[in-house]
Amino acid sequence: MVTFADRAAAPAHVLVRVVDRESVLLNLETEQYFGLDETGTRMWQLITASPSIDAAYLELLAEFDVEPELLKTNLTELLSRLKENGLIQVLPADVGKAAAI
């Protein structure tokens, strides 16, 4: 299950190409490809670059004129599909970060 406290990362076996604000994701292990429209592409960019999915969600809320619950539902659905198809890794937000001294 994906929680918004987690963070998302693109696995090494996923190739992403953005063309005219839309994108194609290719899972090199399964040889399946997936297309994302402009909104899905922006979601992908933010969830894979943000420190947490919640941070990406808040940025999306600021960028798009959308009801918060609708965005949360759509983002959760996209995350689930991406995870099911091996296109993202979902990790705890603090995994891979250096500890503060």
C-alpha atoms as a PDB file:
ATOM      1  CA  MET A   1       0.000   0.000   0.000  1.00  0.00           C
ATOM      2  CA  VAL A   2       1.199   3.489  -0.851  1.00  0.00           C
ATOM      3  CA  THR A   3       1.001   6.212   1.777  1.00  0.00           C
ATOM      4  CA  PHE A   4       1.645   9.876   1.191  1.00  0.00           C
ATOM      5  CA  ALA A   5       4.388   9.814   3.853  1.00  0.00           C
ATOM      6  CA  ASP A   6       6.406   7.533   1.551  1.00  0.00           C
ATOM      7  CA  ARG A   7       8.502   8.667  -1.373  1.00  0.00           C
ATOM      8  CA  ALA A   8       8.580   7.344  -4.925  1.00  0.00           C
ATOM      9  CA  ALA A   9      11.598   6.664  -7.080  1.00  0.00           C
ATOM     10  CA  ALA A  10      12.068   5.498 -10.642  1.00  0.00           C
ATOM     11  CA  PRO A  11      13.676   2.041 -10.754  1.00  0.00           C
ATOM     12  CA  ALA A  12      16.798   1.603 -12.876  1.00  0.00           C
ATOM     13  CA  HIS A  13      14.882  -0.670 -15.272  1.00  0.00           C
ATOM     14  CA  VAL A  14      12.437   2.100 -16.254  1.00  0.00           C
ATOM     15  CA  LEU A  15      13.201   4.351 -19.202  1.00  0.00           C
ATOM     16  CA  VAL A  16      11.269   7.636 -19.397  1.00  0.00           C
ATOM     17  CA  ARG A  17      11.004   9.973 -22.369  1.00  0.00           C
ATOM     18  CA  VAL A  18       9.054  13.232 -22.316  1.00  0.00           C
ATOM     19  CA  VAL A  19       7.783  14.534 -25.643  1.00  0.00           C
ATOM     20  CA  ASP A  20       5.598  17.644 -25.910  1.00  0.00           C
ATOM     21  CA  ARG A  21       4.728  17.508 -22.177  1.00  0.00           C
ATOM     22  CA  GLU A  22       3.527  13.901 -22.424  1.00  0.00           C
ATOM     23  CA  SER A  23       5.652  10.908 -21.579  1.00  0.00           C
ATOM     24  CA  VAL A  24       6.305   7.294 -22.363  1.00  0.00           C
ATOM     25  CA  LEU A  25       7.552   4.952 -19.641  1.00  0.00           C
ATOM     26  CA  LEU A  26       9.179   1.700 -20.702  1.00  0.00           C
ATOM     27  CA  ASN A  27       9.719  -1.149 -18.265  1.00  0.00           C
ATOM     28  CA  LEU A  28      12.825  -2.792 -19.692  1.00  0.00           C
ATOM     29  CA  GLU A  29      12.226  -5.978 -17.675  1.00  0.00           C
ATOM     30  CA  THR A  30       8.702  -6.645 -18.996  1.00  0.00           C
ATOM     31  CA  GLU A  31       9.104  -4.749 -22.291  1.00  0.00           C
ATOM     32  CA  GLN A  32       5.774  -3.014 -21.670  1.00  0.00           C
ATOM     33  CA  TYR A  33       5.359   0.684 -22.252  1.00  0.00           C
ATOM     34  CA  PHE A  34       2.895   3.134 -20.768  1.00  0.00           C
ATOM     35  CA  GLY A  35       1.830   6.593 -21.871  1.00  0.00           C
ATOM     36  CA  LEU A  36       1.070   9.501 -19.582  1.00  0.00           C
ATOM     37  CA  ASP A  37      -0.786  12.615 -20.645  1.00  0.00           C
ATOM     38  CA  GLU A  38       0.378  16.089 -19.633  1.00  0.00           C
ATOM     39  CA  THR A  39      -1.155  15.887 -16.146  1.00  0.00           C
ATOM     40  CA  GLY A  40       0.119  12.351 -15.533  1.00  0.00           C
ATOM     41  CA  THR A  41       3.565  13.427 -16.677  1.00  0.00           C
ATOM     42  CA  ARG A  42       3.599  16.329 -14.221  1.00  0.00           C
ATOM     43  CA  MET A  43       2.486  13.969 -11.449  1.00  0.00           C
ATOM     44  CA  TRP A  44       5.303  11.564 -12.397  1.00  0.00           C
ATOM     45  CA  GLN A  45       7.869  14.358 -12.388  1.00  0.00           C
ATOM     46  CA  LEU A  46       6.858  15.566  -8.946  1.00  0.00           C
ATOM     47  CA  ILE A  47       6.424  12.208  -7.225  1.00  0.00           C
ATOM     48  CA  THR A  48       9.837  11.007  -8.393  1.00  0.00           C
ATOM     49  CA  ALA A  49      11.618  14.276  -7.503  1.00  0.00           C
ATOM     50  CA  SER A  50       9.965  15.205  -4.190  1.00  0.00           C
ATOM     51  CA  PRO A  51      11.117  14.120  -0.729  1.00  0.00           C
ATOM     52  CA  SER A  52       7.685  12.554  -0.151  1.00  0.00           C
ATOM     53  CA  ILE A  53       4.499  11.841  -2.034  1.00  0.00           C
ATOM     54  CA  ASP A  54       2.751  14.327   0.252  1.00  0.00           C
ATOM     55  CA  ALA A  55       5.174  17.067  -0.836  1.00  0.00           C
ATOM     56  CA  ALA A  56       4.371  16.239  -4.471  1.00  0.00           C
ATOM     57  CA  TYR A  57       0.647  16.303  -3.661  1.00  0.00           C
ATOM     58  CA  LEU A  58       0.947  19.769  -2.086  1.00  0.00           C
ATOM     59  CA  GLU A  59       2.874  21.062  -5.112  1.00  0.00           C
ATOM     60  CA  LEU A  60       0.212  19.643  -7.440  1.00  0.00           C
ATOM     61  CA  LEU A  61      -2.504  21.352  -5.377  1.00  0.00           C
ATOM     62  CA  ALA A  62      -0.677  24.650  -5.849  1.00  0.00           C
ATOM     63  CA  GLU A  63      -0.265  24.126  -9.613  1.00  0.00           C
ATOM     64  CA  PHE A  64      -3.702  22.802 -10.581  1.00  0.00           C
ATOM     65  CA  ASP A  65      -7.213  24.098  -9.982  1.00  0.00           C
ATOM     66  CA  VAL A  66      -8.599  20.881  -8.506  1.00  0.00           C
ATOM     67  CA  GLU A  67     -10.503  19.759  -5.433  1.00  0.00           C
ATOM     68  CA  PRO A  68      -8.064  18.289  -2.891  1.00  0.00           C
ATOM     69  CA  GLU A  69      -9.947  14.980  -2.536  1.00  0.00           C
ATOM     70  CA  LEU A  70     -10.192  14.495  -6.307  1.00  0.00           C
ATOM     71  CA  LEU A  71      -6.457  15.086  -6.663  1.00  0.00           C
ATOM     72  CA  LYS A  72      -5.725  12.684  -3.808  1.00  0.00           C
ATOM     73  CA  THR A  73      -7.904  10.014  -5.447  1.00  0.00           C
ATOM     74  CA  ASN A  74      -6.332  10.490  -8.884  1.00  0.00           C
ATOM     75  CA  LEU A  75      -2.790  10.555  -7.514  1.00  0.00           C
ATOM     76  CA  THR A  76      -3.408   7.426  -5.437  1.00  0.00           C
ATOM     77  CA  GLU A  77      -4.807   5.628  -8.489  1.00  0.00           C
ATOM     78  CA  LEU A  78      -1.809   6.628 -10.622  1.00  0.00           C
ATOM     79  CA  LEU A  79       0.638   5.545  -7.910  1.00  0.00           C
ATOM     80  CA  SER A  80      -1.090   2.178  -7.595  1.00  0.00           C
ATOM     81  CA  ARG A  81      -0.965   1.561 -11.346  1.00  0.00           C
ATOM     82  CA  LEU A  82       2.670   2.619 -11.600  1.00  0.00           C
ATOM     83  CA  LYS A  83       3.625   0.374  -8.685  1.00  0.00           C
ATOM     84  CA  GLU A  84       1.652  -2.612 -10.047  1.00  0.00           C
ATOM     85  CA  ASN A  85       3.512  -2.314 -13.343  1.00  0.00           C
ATOM     86  CA  GLY A  86       6.975  -1.930 -11.809  1.00  0.00           C
ATOM     87  CA  LEU A  87       7.317   1.691 -12.904  1.00  0.00           C
ATOM     88  CA  ILE A  88       8.004   3.143  -9.451  1.00  0.00           C
ATOM     89  CA  GLN A  89       9.514   1.997  -6.203  1.00  0.00           C
ATOM     90  CA  VAL A  90       7.783   3.192  -3.048  1.00  0.00           C
ATOM     91  CA  LEU A  91      10.133   3.678  -0.118  1.00  0.00           C
ATOM     92  CA  PRO A  92       9.856   5.195   3.344  1.00  0.00           C
ATOM     93  CA  ALA A  93      10.662   8.897   3.075  1.00  0.00           C
ATOM     94  CA  ASP A  94      13.776   8.565   5.250  1.00  0.00           C
ATOM     95  CA  VAL A  95      15.368   5.623   3.360  1.00  0.00           C
ATOM     96  CA  GLY A  96      18.525   6.600   1.506  1.00  0.00           C
ATOM     97  CA  LYS A  97      19.048   9.847   3.385  1.00  0.00           C
ATOM     98  CA  ALA A  98      22.103  10.554   5.507  1.00  0.00           C
ATOM     99  CA  ALA A  99      21.434  10.842   9.212  1.00  0.00           C
ATOM    100  CA  ALA A 100      21.932  14.235  10.815  1.00  0.00           C
ATOM    101  CA  ILE A 101      24.920  14.489  13.121  1.00  0.00           C
END
